[in-house]
Amino acid sequence: MIYVGVDIEDVSRFLSKTLENDSKFLYRIFTQNEIDYCFEAKNPAPRLTARYCAKEATVKAFSNIYDKLIPYSKIEVLKNQNGSVYINFLIDELNKYKVSISISHEKDKAIAFVVVEY
């Protein structure tokens, strides 16, 4: 079976977020690896938003095959050496699934598309 999730968000959702003022909020959603990657950019908002979309799309794709709510902080969006992204679950039992993901961001929007093979 194949399950799909998609999400699109406004980049403005994360535009004003800073580590100094919003760390509790950010760490509830993102892992340290993701925060490090996003905040190395001059403008972290597009990267944060794209990763948020990826987490939301992943939760949507798993909603019919996994009976527990997956915390966003347990879904890690990382980059391969070639620049493509992949999902690393911090819940071991989820790593058995084949997950394909594509994310993109533009000036004011970010989107993610996730496919889970079960």
C-alpha atoms as a PDB file:
ATOM      1  CA  MET A   1       0.000   0.000   0.000  1.00  0.00           C
ATOM      2  CA  ILE A   2       1.059   3.566  -0.643  1.00  0.00           C
ATOM      3  CA  TYR A   3       0.057   6.509   1.537  1.00  0.00           C
ATOM      4  CA  VAL A   4       0.562  10.167   0.661  1.00  0.00           C
ATOM      5  CA  GLY A   5       0.771  13.386   2.647  1.00  0.00           C
ATOM      6  CA  VAL A   6       1.216  16.953   1.452  1.00  0.00           C
ATOM      7  CA  ASP A   7       1.441  20.307   3.187  1.00  0.00           C
ATOM      8  CA  ILE A   8       1.933  23.906   2.114  1.00  0.00           C
ATOM      9  CA  GLU A   9       2.587  26.818   4.470  1.00  0.00           C
ATOM     10  CA  ASP A  10       3.347  30.527   4.404  1.00  0.00           C
ATOM     11  CA  VAL A  11       6.997  31.287   5.172  1.00  0.00           C
ATOM     12  CA  SER A  12       5.732  34.199   7.274  1.00  0.00           C
ATOM     13  CA  ARG A  13       4.734  31.624   9.902  1.00  0.00           C
ATOM     14  CA  PHE A  14       8.419  31.349  10.904  1.00  0.00           C
ATOM     15  CA  LEU A  15       9.683  34.747   9.759  1.00  0.00           C
ATOM     16  CA  SER A  16       9.962  36.278  13.217  1.00  0.00           C
ATOM     17  CA  LYS A  17      11.244  33.145  15.007  1.00  0.00           C
ATOM     18  CA  THR A  18      14.661  33.451  16.652  1.00  0.00           C
ATOM     19  CA  LEU A  19      16.667  31.115  18.836  1.00  0.00           C
ATOM     20  CA  GLU A  20      16.935  33.814  21.478  1.00  0.00           C
ATOM     21  CA  ASN A  21      13.185  34.397  21.818  1.00  0.00           C
ATOM     22  CA  ASP A  22      11.566  31.212  20.542  1.00  0.00           C
ATOM     23  CA  SER A  23      13.854  28.318  21.485  1.00  0.00           C
ATOM     24  CA  LYS A  24      11.200  26.462  23.517  1.00  0.00           C
ATOM     25  CA  PHE A  25       8.785  26.590  20.579  1.00  0.00           C
ATOM     26  CA  LEU A  26      11.469  25.655  18.018  1.00  0.00           C
ATOM     27  CA  TYR A  27      12.788  22.682  20.011  1.00  0.00           C
ATOM     28  CA  ARG A  28       9.255  21.338  20.400  1.00  0.00           C
ATOM     29  CA  ILE A  29       9.119  21.000  16.605  1.00  0.00           C
ATOM     30  CA  PHE A  30      12.696  20.676  15.338  1.00  0.00           C
ATOM     31  CA  THR A  31      15.746  18.607  16.243  1.00  0.00           C
ATOM     32  CA  GLN A  32      19.138  20.125  16.968  1.00  0.00           C
ATOM     33  CA  ASN A  33      20.394  19.038  13.531  1.00  0.00           C
ATOM     34  CA  GLU A  34      17.503  20.824  11.839  1.00  0.00           C
ATOM     35  CA  ILE A  35      17.909  23.979  13.912  1.00  0.00           C
ATOM     36  CA  ASP A  36      21.645  24.066  13.181  1.00  0.00           C
ATOM     37  CA  TYR A  37      21.001  23.698   9.446  1.00  0.00           C
ATOM     38  CA  CYS A  38      18.178  26.252   9.295  1.00  0.00           C
ATOM     39  CA  PHE A  39      19.903  28.923  11.347  1.00  0.00           C
ATOM     40  CA  GLU A  40      23.148  28.749   9.383  1.00  0.00           C
ATOM     41  CA  ALA A  41      21.225  30.574   6.640  1.00  0.00           C
ATOM     42  CA  LYS A  42      20.902  34.341   6.690  1.00  0.00           C
ATOM     43  CA  ASN A  43      17.116  33.891   6.583  1.00  0.00           C
ATOM     44  CA  PRO A  44      16.155  30.636   8.343  1.00  0.00           C
ATOM     45  CA  ALA A  45      12.384  31.042   7.826  1.00  0.00           C
ATOM     46  CA  PRO A  46      12.123  29.258   4.421  1.00  0.00           C
ATOM     47  CA  ARG A  47      14.146  26.295   5.683  1.00  0.00           C
ATOM     48  CA  LEU A  48      12.147  26.095   8.914  1.00  0.00           C
ATOM     49  CA  THR A  49       8.873  26.298   7.028  1.00  0.00           C
ATOM     50  CA  ALA A  50       9.864  23.599   4.524  1.00  0.00           C
ATOM     51  CA  ARG A  51      10.843  21.264   7.353  1.00  0.00           C
ATOM     52  CA  TYR A  52       7.616  22.010   9.186  1.00  0.00           C
ATOM     53  CA  CYS A  53       5.717  21.123   5.997  1.00  0.00           C
ATOM     54  CA  ALA A  54       7.685  17.883   5.753  1.00  0.00           C
ATOM     55  CA  LYS A  55       6.730  16.928   9.301  1.00  0.00           C
ATOM     56  CA  GLU A  56       3.059  17.767   8.729  1.00  0.00           C
ATOM     57  CA  ALA A  57       3.003  15.839   5.436  1.00  0.00           C
ATOM     58  CA  THR A  58       4.666  12.868   7.142  1.00  0.00           C
ATOM     59  CA  VAL A  59       2.075  12.830   9.926  1.00  0.00           C
ATOM     60  CA  LYS A  60      -0.689  12.971   7.306  1.00  0.00           C
ATOM     61  CA  ALA A  61       0.816  10.077   5.330  1.00  0.00           C
ATOM     62  CA  PHE A  62       1.114   7.949   8.472  1.00  0.00           C
ATOM     63  CA  SER A  63      -2.363   8.780   9.790  1.00  0.00           C
ATOM     64  CA  ASN A  64      -3.906   5.640   8.268  1.00  0.00           C
ATOM     65  CA  ILE A  65      -1.132   3.183   9.161  1.00  0.00           C
ATOM     66  CA  TYR A  66       0.212   4.241  12.548  1.00  0.00           C
ATOM     67  CA  ASP A  67      -2.153   4.435  15.491  1.00  0.00           C
ATOM     68  CA  LYS A  68      -0.122   6.887  17.577  1.00  0.00           C
ATOM     69  CA  LEU A  69       0.422  10.586  17.059  1.00  0.00           C
ATOM     70  CA  ILE A  70       3.987  11.184  15.875  1.00  0.00           C
ATOM     71  CA  PRO A  71       5.553  14.201  17.613  1.00  0.00           C
ATOM     72  CA  TYR A  72       7.168  16.591  15.149  1.00  0.00           C
ATOM     73  CA  SER A  73      10.384  16.503  17.178  1.00  0.00           C
ATOM     74  CA  LYS A  74      10.639  12.769  16.377  1.00  0.00           C
ATOM     75  CA  ILE A  75      10.594  13.384  12.618  1.00  0.00           C
ATOM     76  CA  GLU A  76      13.958  14.657  11.426  1.00  0.00           C
ATOM     77  CA  VAL A  77      14.425  16.105   7.939  1.00  0.00           C
ATOM     78  CA  LEU A  78      18.045  15.732   6.864  1.00  0.00           C
ATOM     79  CA  LYS A  79      20.011  16.219   3.643  1.00  0.00           C
ATOM     80  CA  ASN A  80      21.998  13.617   1.743  1.00  0.00           C
ATOM     81  CA  GLN A  81      25.405  14.504   0.316  1.00  0.00           C
ATOM     82  CA  ASN A  82      23.741  15.132  -3.055  1.00  0.00           C
ATOM     83  CA  GLY A  83      21.397  17.712  -1.479  1.00  0.00           C
ATOM     84  CA  SER A  84      18.231  15.626  -1.537  1.00  0.00           C
ATOM     85  CA  VAL A  85      16.263  15.352   1.693  1.00  0.00           C
ATOM     86  CA  TYR A  86      15.213  12.291   3.640  1.00  0.00           C
ATOM     87  CA  ILE A  87      13.325  11.493   6.821  1.00  0.00           C
ATOM     88  CA  ASN A  88      15.053  10.056   9.867  1.00  0.00           C
ATOM     89  CA  PHE A  89      12.611   8.927  12.531  1.00  0.00           C
ATOM     90  CA  LEU A  90      13.660   9.162  16.147  1.00  0.00           C
ATOM     91  CA  ILE A  91      11.109   6.418  16.873  1.00  0.00           C
ATOM     92  CA  ASP A  92      12.832   3.195  15.804  1.00  0.00           C
ATOM     93  CA  GLU A  93       9.688   1.302  14.777  1.00  0.00           C
ATOM     94  CA  LEU A  94       8.960   3.922  12.089  1.00  0.00           C
ATOM     95  CA  ASN A  95      12.296   3.454  10.335  1.00  0.00           C
ATOM     96  CA  LYS A  96      11.015   0.157   8.881  1.00  0.00           C
ATOM     97  CA  TYR A  97       8.824   2.064   6.416  1.00  0.00           C
ATOM     98  CA  LYS A  98      10.087   3.298   3.066  1.00  0.00           C
ATOM     99  CA  VAL A  99       9.503   7.055   2.992  1.00  0.00           C
ATOM    100  CA  SER A 100      10.113   9.304  -0.006  1.00  0.00           C
ATOM    101  CA  ILE A 101       9.996  13.051   0.382  1.00  0.00           C
ATOM    102  CA  SER A 102      10.287  16.183  -1.686  1.00  0.00           C
ATOM    103  CA  ILE A 103      10.346  19.703  -0.240  1.00  0.00           C
ATOM    104  CA  SER A 104      10.616  23.112  -1.811  1.00  0.00           C
ATOM    105  CA  HIS A 105      10.377  26.743  -0.786  1.00  0.00           C
ATOM    106  CA  GLU A 106      10.026  30.014  -2.622  1.00  0.00           C
ATOM    107  CA  LYS A 107       9.664  33.620  -1.523  1.00  0.00           C
ATOM    108  CA  ASP A 108       6.568  33.233   0.624  1.00  0.00           C
ATOM    109  CA  LYS A 109       5.542  29.555   0.425  1.00  0.00           C
ATOM    110  CA  ALA A 110       7.005  26.168   1.307  1.00  0.00           C
ATOM    111  CA  ILE A 111       5.654  22.754   0.383  1.00  0.00           C
ATOM    112  CA  ALA A 112       6.391  19.112   1.141  1.00  0.00           C
ATOM    113  CA  PHE A 113       5.156  15.904  -0.432  1.00  0.00           C
ATOM    114  CA  VAL A 114       5.628  12.551   1.345  1.00  0.00           C
ATOM    115  CA  VAL A 115       5.003   9.002   0.118  1.00  0.00           C
ATOM    116  CA  VAL A 116       5.051   6.065   2.552  1.00  0.00           C
ATOM    117  CA  GLU A 117       5.188   2.468   1.338  1.00  0.00           C
ATOM    118  CA  TYR A 118       3.609   0.052   3.783  1.00  0.00           C
END
